[in-house]
N, C-alpha and C. Protein backbone atom coordinates (compact mmCIF):
# COMPACT_ATOMS: atom_id res chain seq x y z
N UNK A 1 -18.30 -15.27 -4.84
CA UNK A 1 -16.87 -14.99 -5.01
C UNK A 1 -16.33 -14.08 -4.18
N UNK A 2 -15.75 -14.32 -3.31
CA UNK A 2 -14.77 -13.47 -2.46
C UNK A 2 -14.06 -12.35 -2.81
N UNK A 3 -14.13 -11.40 -2.39
CA UNK A 3 -13.51 -9.96 -2.78
C UNK A 3 -11.98 -10.22 -2.71
N UNK A 4 -11.07 -9.73 -3.00
CA UNK A 4 -9.85 -9.63 -3.05
C UNK A 4 -9.23 -9.04 -1.73
N UNK A 5 -8.12 -9.05 -1.45
CA UNK A 5 -7.80 -8.33 0.20
C UNK A 5 -6.99 -7.26 -0.61
N UNK A 6 -6.34 -6.02 -0.11
CA UNK A 6 -6.21 -4.69 -0.52
C UNK A 6 -5.09 -4.39 0.28
N UNK A 7 -3.83 -3.99 -0.16
CA UNK A 7 -2.60 -3.91 0.00
C UNK A 7 -2.62 -2.30 -0.47
N UNK A 8 -2.37 -1.38 1.04
CA UNK A 8 -2.48 -0.25 0.62
C UNK A 8 -0.72 0.85 0.40
N UNK A 9 -0.79 1.51 -0.42
CA UNK A 9 0.04 2.10 -1.13
C UNK A 9 0.78 3.37 0.11
N UNK A 10 1.49 3.64 0.08
CA UNK A 10 2.12 4.63 1.14
C UNK A 10 1.36 6.02 0.79
N UNK A 11 0.76 6.29 -0.09
CA UNK A 11 0.09 7.99 0.22
C UNK A 11 -1.50 7.26 0.44
N UNK A 12 -2.14 6.34 0.47
CA UNK A 12 -2.99 6.38 0.74
C UNK A 12 -3.21 6.01 2.53
N UNK A 13 -2.06 5.47 2.69
CA UNK A 13 -2.06 5.74 4.28
C UNK A 13 -1.73 6.55 5.11
N UNK A 14 -0.77 7.90 4.72
CA UNK A 14 -0.71 9.12 4.80
C UNK A 14 -2.18 9.54 4.66
N UNK A 15 -2.57 9.64 3.81
CA UNK A 15 -4.41 10.37 3.57
C UNK A 15 -5.15 9.76 4.61
N UNK A 16 -5.16 8.16 5.19
CA UNK A 16 -5.68 7.86 6.18
C UNK A 16 -5.37 8.70 7.60
N UNK A 17 -3.90 8.88 7.55
CA UNK A 17 -3.58 9.83 8.78
C UNK A 17 -4.02 10.98 8.63
N UNK A 18 -3.58 11.96 7.60
CA UNK A 18 -4.05 13.70 7.67
C UNK A 18 -5.39 13.67 6.97
N UNK A 19 -5.45 13.47 6.08
CA UNK A 19 -6.49 13.89 4.95
C UNK A 19 -7.48 12.52 4.44
N UNK A 20 -8.34 12.61 5.33
CA UNK A 20 -9.58 11.50 5.50
C UNK A 20 -10.23 11.45 4.19
N UNK A 21 -10.35 13.16 3.93
CA UNK A 21 -11.81 13.68 2.71
C UNK A 21 -10.80 13.91 1.34
N UNK A 22 -9.55 13.36 1.17
CA UNK A 22 -9.18 13.07 0.03
C UNK A 22 -9.54 11.49 -0.29
N UNK A 23 -9.92 10.65 0.32
CA UNK A 23 -10.61 9.36 0.00
C UNK A 23 -11.32 8.99 -0.55
N UNK A 24 -12.23 9.42 -1.65
CA UNK A 24 -13.44 8.79 -2.32
C UNK A 24 -14.36 8.11 -1.19
N UNK A 25 -15.38 8.33 -0.98
CA UNK A 25 -16.54 7.24 0.08
C UNK A 25 -16.35 5.96 -0.68
N UNK A 26 -16.52 5.93 -1.63
CA UNK A 26 -16.21 4.74 -2.41
C UNK A 26 -15.40 3.97 -2.06
N UNK A 27 -14.14 4.41 -1.84
CA UNK A 27 -12.83 3.67 -1.79
C UNK A 27 -12.75 3.15 -0.30
N UNK A 28 -13.27 4.43 0.41
CA UNK A 28 -13.35 3.83 2.08
C UNK A 28 -14.43 3.17 2.38
N UNK A 29 -15.34 2.67 1.92
CA UNK A 29 -16.72 1.64 1.66
C UNK A 29 -15.40 0.14 1.43
N UNK A 30 -14.75 0.17 -0.05
CA UNK A 30 -13.93 -0.78 -0.20
C UNK A 30 -13.46 -1.25 0.80
N UNK A 31 -11.94 -0.19 1.64
CA UNK A 31 -11.93 -0.79 2.51
C UNK A 31 -11.88 -1.08 3.86
N UNK A 32 -13.40 -0.69 4.14
CA UNK A 32 -14.29 -0.97 5.34
C UNK A 32 -15.11 -2.83 5.04
N UNK A 33 -14.87 -3.01 3.74
CA UNK A 33 -15.78 -4.40 3.47
C UNK A 33 -15.07 -5.37 3.18
N UNK A 34 -13.83 -4.89 2.74
CA UNK A 34 -13.01 -5.64 2.09
C UNK A 34 -12.02 -7.37 3.58
N UNK A 35 -12.02 -8.20 2.74
CA UNK A 35 -11.93 -9.60 3.75
C UNK A 35 -10.52 -9.17 4.70
N UNK A 36 -9.78 -8.44 3.92
CA UNK A 36 -8.55 -7.99 4.80
C UNK A 36 -8.00 -6.83 4.18
N UNK A 37 -7.20 -5.81 5.01
CA UNK A 37 -6.61 -4.62 4.46
C UNK A 37 -4.88 -5.05 4.72
N UNK A 38 -4.14 -5.04 3.73
CA UNK A 38 -2.86 -5.17 4.52
C UNK A 38 -2.15 -3.69 4.36
N UNK A 39 -1.03 -3.96 5.12
CA UNK A 39 -0.07 -2.67 5.22
C UNK A 39 1.11 -3.36 5.28
N UNK A 40 1.91 -3.05 4.02
CA UNK A 40 3.39 -3.74 3.74
C UNK A 40 4.61 -3.48 5.11
N UNK A 41 5.28 -4.03 5.50
CA UNK A 41 6.70 -3.58 6.31
C UNK A 41 7.66 -2.32 5.18
N UNK A 42 7.65 -2.93 3.76
CA UNK A 42 7.89 -1.63 3.17
C UNK A 42 7.28 -0.52 3.52
N UNK A 43 5.74 -0.01 3.23
CA UNK A 43 5.31 0.90 3.55
C UNK A 43 6.13 1.68 4.97
N UNK A 44 6.08 1.05 6.02
CA UNK A 44 6.16 1.37 7.43
C UNK A 44 7.88 2.13 6.96
N UNK A 45 8.59 0.97 6.09
CA UNK A 45 10.14 1.77 6.37
C UNK A 45 9.87 2.79 5.61
N UNK A 46 9.67 2.73 4.45
CA UNK A 46 9.40 3.96 3.37
C UNK A 46 9.04 5.08 4.46
N UNK A 47 7.86 5.49 4.73
CA UNK A 47 7.57 6.46 6.03
C UNK A 47 8.59 6.82 6.84
N UNK A 48 8.96 5.88 7.33
CA UNK A 48 9.63 6.21 8.47
C UNK A 48 11.20 6.72 7.90
N UNK A 49 11.48 6.34 6.84
CA UNK A 49 12.69 7.30 6.06
C UNK A 49 12.34 8.61 6.14
N UNK A 50 11.09 8.71 4.96
CA UNK A 50 10.55 10.19 5.29
C UNK A 50 10.58 11.04 6.00
N UNK A 51 10.14 10.09 7.44
CA UNK A 51 9.91 10.88 8.47
C UNK A 51 11.11 11.36 9.02
N UNK A 52 12.36 10.84 8.88
CA UNK A 52 13.56 10.71 9.81
C UNK A 52 14.21 12.06 8.92
N UNK A 53 13.99 12.33 7.77
CA UNK A 53 14.63 13.49 6.63
C UNK A 53 13.54 14.30 6.74
N UNK A 54 12.89 14.61 7.60
CA UNK A 54 11.46 15.60 7.80
C UNK A 54 11.22 15.99 6.78
N UNK A 55 10.60 15.08 5.64
CA UNK A 55 10.41 15.36 4.85
C UNK A 55 8.57 14.62 5.00
N UNK A 56 8.31 14.59 5.97
CA UNK A 56 6.68 13.92 6.49
C UNK A 56 6.86 13.28 8.03
N UNK A 57 5.38 14.49 8.59
CA UNK A 57 4.94 13.78 10.31
C UNK A 57 3.86 13.36 9.80
N UNK A 58 4.02 12.65 10.13
CA UNK A 58 2.25 11.49 10.76
C UNK A 58 1.79 12.24 11.96
N UNK A 59 0.75 11.86 12.13
CA UNK A 59 -0.16 12.38 13.17
C UNK A 59 -0.04 11.52 14.38
N UNK A 60 -0.05 10.05 13.58
CA UNK A 60 -0.26 9.23 14.77
C UNK A 60 1.03 8.08 14.31
N UNK A 61 1.56 7.13 15.13
CA UNK A 61 2.66 6.03 14.76
C UNK A 61 2.17 5.19 13.64
N UNK A 62 2.72 4.67 12.65
CA UNK A 62 1.88 3.65 11.81
C UNK A 62 1.46 2.50 12.31
N UNK A 63 1.80 1.87 14.05
CA UNK A 63 1.04 1.35 14.49
C UNK A 63 -0.04 1.31 15.33
N UNK A 64 -0.52 2.42 15.17
CA UNK A 64 -1.96 3.04 15.28
C UNK A 64 -2.46 3.16 13.93
N UNK A 65 -1.76 3.66 13.43
CA UNK A 65 -2.85 3.48 11.76
C UNK A 65 -3.46 2.24 11.62
N UNK A 66 -2.32 1.04 11.74
CA UNK A 66 -2.56 -0.16 11.90
C UNK A 66 -3.71 -0.55 12.44
N UNK A 67 -3.86 -0.24 13.60
CA UNK A 67 -4.89 -1.06 14.63
C UNK A 67 -6.11 -0.40 14.40
N UNK A 68 -6.05 0.98 14.19
CA UNK A 68 -7.14 1.90 14.05
C UNK A 68 -8.13 1.34 13.00
N UNK A 69 -7.37 1.48 11.65
CA UNK A 69 -8.07 0.79 10.71
C UNK A 69 -7.59 -0.87 10.00
N UNK A 70 -7.59 -1.43 11.22
CA UNK A 70 -7.89 -3.04 11.22
C UNK A 70 -6.91 -3.54 10.23
N UNK A 71 -5.74 -3.07 9.90
CA UNK A 71 -5.31 -3.67 9.19
C UNK A 71 -4.03 -4.42 9.14
N UNK A 72 -3.73 -5.27 8.34
CA UNK A 72 -2.68 -6.56 8.88
C UNK A 72 -1.59 -6.90 8.15
N UNK A 73 -0.26 -6.56 9.05
CA UNK A 73 0.84 -6.36 8.09
C UNK A 73 1.14 -7.35 7.27
N UNK A 74 1.84 -7.08 6.60
CA UNK A 74 2.13 -8.39 5.65
C UNK A 74 3.78 -7.82 5.39
N UNK A 75 4.64 -9.11 6.04
CA UNK A 75 6.31 -8.81 5.76
C UNK A 75 6.33 -9.06 4.58
N UNK A 76 8.34 -8.57 4.20
CA UNK A 76 8.60 -8.68 2.88
C UNK A 76 9.05 -10.17 3.08
N UNK A 77 9.23 -11.09 1.89
CA UNK A 77 9.77 -12.62 2.05
C UNK A 77 10.65 -12.48 0.86
N UNK A 78 11.30 -13.47 0.48
CA UNK A 78 12.31 -13.87 -0.27
C UNK A 78 11.54 -13.88 -1.52
N UNK A 79 10.42 -14.38 -2.01
CA UNK A 79 9.51 -14.58 -2.87
C UNK A 79 9.11 -12.94 -3.31
N UNK A 80 8.66 -12.34 -2.50
CA UNK A 80 8.53 -11.10 -3.06
C UNK A 80 9.49 -10.47 -3.35
N UNK A 81 11.15 -10.37 -2.82
CA UNK A 81 11.96 -9.88 -3.28
C UNK A 81 12.20 -10.38 -4.59
N UNK A 82 12.07 -11.99 -5.03
CA UNK A 82 12.52 -12.04 -6.10
C UNK A 82 11.71 -11.79 -7.29
N UNK A 83 10.36 -11.46 -6.97
CA UNK A 83 9.45 -11.07 -7.60
C UNK A 83 10.11 -9.65 -8.46
N UNK A 84 10.90 -8.59 -7.48
CA UNK A 84 10.72 -7.39 -8.08
C UNK A 84 11.63 -7.56 -9.16
N UNK A 85 12.65 -8.50 -9.15
CA UNK A 85 13.60 -8.52 -10.07
C UNK A 85 13.21 -9.20 -11.30
N UNK A 86 11.83 -9.79 -11.67
CA UNK A 86 10.91 -10.02 -12.89
C UNK A 86 10.24 -8.90 -13.27
N UNK A 87 10.39 -8.07 -12.45
CA UNK A 87 9.31 -6.85 -13.12
C UNK A 87 10.38 -6.29 -14.41
N UNK A 88 9.39 -5.34 -15.42
CA UNK A 88 9.92 -4.28 -16.25
C UNK A 88 10.12 -3.34 -15.57
N UNK A 89 10.79 -2.32 -15.57
CA UNK A 89 11.38 -1.03 -15.56
C UNK A 89 10.03 0.02 -16.05
N UNK A 90 8.99 -0.10 -15.15
CA UNK A 90 8.32 0.98 -15.62
C UNK A 90 7.97 2.09 -14.58
N UNK A 91 8.70 1.78 -13.67
CA UNK A 91 8.65 2.83 -12.14
C UNK A 91 9.88 2.42 -11.84
N UNK A 92 10.59 3.45 -11.07
CA UNK A 92 11.85 2.90 -10.29
C UNK A 92 12.10 3.46 -9.04
N UNK A 93 11.11 4.02 -8.64
CA UNK A 93 10.75 3.77 -6.84
C UNK A 93 10.70 2.58 -6.48
N UNK A 94 11.74 1.93 -5.56
CA UNK A 94 12.02 0.93 -4.80
C UNK A 94 11.40 0.00 -3.78
N UNK A 95 10.67 1.70 -3.16
CA UNK A 95 9.20 1.02 -2.38
C UNK A 95 7.90 0.75 -3.05
N UNK A 96 7.72 1.49 -4.09
CA UNK A 96 6.45 1.15 -5.04
C UNK A 96 6.79 -0.62 -6.02
N UNK A 97 8.13 -0.78 -6.15
CA UNK A 97 8.00 -1.72 -7.05
C UNK A 97 8.00 -3.24 -6.13
N UNK A 98 8.30 -2.71 -4.93
CA UNK A 98 8.16 -4.17 -4.17
C UNK A 98 6.58 -4.25 -3.67
N UNK A 99 6.01 -3.22 -3.31
CA UNK A 99 4.21 -3.22 -3.16
C UNK A 99 4.14 -3.89 -4.54
N UNK A 100 4.36 -3.80 -5.90
CA UNK A 100 4.03 -4.18 -7.06
C UNK A 100 3.54 -5.79 -7.18
N UNK A 101 5.46 -6.21 -6.40
CA UNK A 101 5.61 -7.22 -6.39
C UNK A 101 4.87 -7.90 -5.12
N UNK A 102 4.68 -7.70 -4.28
CA UNK A 102 3.95 -8.18 -3.09
C UNK A 102 2.29 -8.69 -3.52
N UNK A 103 1.58 -7.44 -4.38
CA UNK A 103 0.36 -7.63 -4.94
C UNK A 103 0.41 -9.02 -5.61
N UNK A 104 1.44 -8.64 -6.64
CA UNK A 104 1.64 -9.90 -7.96
C UNK A 104 1.56 -11.54 -6.99
N UNK A 105 2.25 -11.71 -6.07
CA UNK A 105 2.99 -12.75 -5.14
C UNK A 105 1.50 -12.95 -4.58
N UNK A 106 0.92 -12.39 -3.66
CA UNK A 106 -0.06 -12.47 -3.04
C UNK A 106 -1.54 -12.46 -3.22
N UNK A 107 -1.61 -12.03 -4.89
CA UNK A 107 -2.94 -11.98 -5.12
C UNK A 107 -3.76 -10.72 -4.48
N UNK A 108 -3.08 -9.49 -4.58
CA UNK A 108 -3.77 -8.64 -3.80
C UNK A 108 -4.04 -7.35 -4.55
N UNK A 109 -4.71 -6.84 -4.39
CA UNK A 109 -5.30 -5.40 -4.82
C UNK A 109 -5.04 -4.20 -4.76
N UNK A 110 -3.92 -3.63 -5.41
CA UNK A 110 -3.20 -2.72 -4.98
C UNK A 110 -3.85 -1.06 -4.48
N UNK A 111 -4.49 -0.63 -3.51
CA UNK A 111 -4.94 0.42 -3.55
C UNK A 111 -3.74 1.69 -3.09
N UNK A 112 -3.88 2.89 -5.04
CA UNK A 112 -2.81 3.76 -4.34
C UNK A 112 -3.96 5.16 -5.48
N UNK A 113 -2.75 6.10 -5.21
CA UNK A 113 -2.67 7.11 -6.43
C UNK A 113 -1.90 7.23 -7.23
N UNK A 114 -1.22 6.39 -7.43
CA UNK A 114 -0.28 6.40 -8.17
C UNK A 114 -0.61 5.76 -9.65
N UNK A 115 -1.15 6.25 -10.79
CA UNK A 115 -2.06 5.68 -12.10
C UNK A 115 -0.42 4.66 -12.53
N UNK A 116 0.32 4.78 -12.47
CA UNK A 116 1.45 4.67 -13.32
C UNK A 116 1.59 2.87 -13.12
N UNK A 117 1.42 2.77 -11.81
CA UNK A 117 1.34 1.35 -11.37
C UNK A 117 1.08 0.33 -11.81
N UNK A 118 -0.18 0.69 -12.77
CA UNK A 118 -1.80 -0.23 -13.44
C UNK A 118 -0.84 -0.39 -14.53
N UNK A 119 0.75 -0.18 -15.12
CA UNK A 119 1.80 -0.87 -16.08
C UNK A 119 1.85 -1.85 -15.71
N UNK A 120 2.06 -1.93 -15.07
CA UNK A 120 2.69 -3.50 -14.25
C UNK A 120 1.57 -4.53 -14.60
N UNK A 121 0.29 -4.13 -15.09
CA UNK A 121 -0.83 -5.07 -15.35
C UNK A 121 -1.34 -5.80 -13.65
N UNK A 122 -1.32 -5.31 -12.77
CA UNK A 122 -1.56 -5.95 -11.28
C UNK A 122 -3.12 -4.91 -11.32
N UNK A 123 -3.82 -5.86 -10.70
CA UNK A 123 -5.37 -4.93 -10.14
C UNK A 123 -5.32 -3.70 -9.27
N UNK A 124 -5.58 -2.78 -9.68
CA UNK A 124 -5.21 -1.40 -8.93
C UNK A 124 -6.84 -0.88 -8.60
N UNK A 125 -6.94 -0.15 -6.98
CA UNK A 125 -7.83 0.91 -6.93
C UNK A 125 -7.45 1.92 -6.93
N UNK A 126 -8.01 2.48 -7.53
CA UNK A 126 -7.14 4.34 -8.03
C UNK A 126 -8.08 4.73 -7.03
N UNK A 127 -7.22 5.55 -6.25
CA UNK A 127 -7.54 6.35 -4.98
C UNK A 127 -7.70 8.18 -5.66
């Protein structure tokens, strides 16, 4: 049986860029062995907003991170947007809610440091 692909939350992307030691070796191994690792367009959007507000400085552009870590871009689709509307309000962050919807629709495991996202009943890999 093939292991499901992974979808990275923004906190994991920041750790890949700045604090690789924050990610346990077991999670790094899963990232390396996964059939595919996705980075959502919504994550790039969230990180760009944080950078423009002065709340975050990435060491490398997101496009470099995608290449370095062999990630695949996941666009936001209408199905993803509609799925957000069906989610209970366990979490108010619109970026996280869209990531949850994408993980549900695409059958992905969400890699995150946010324990609260497990309340949605999706498979998560907690960092």
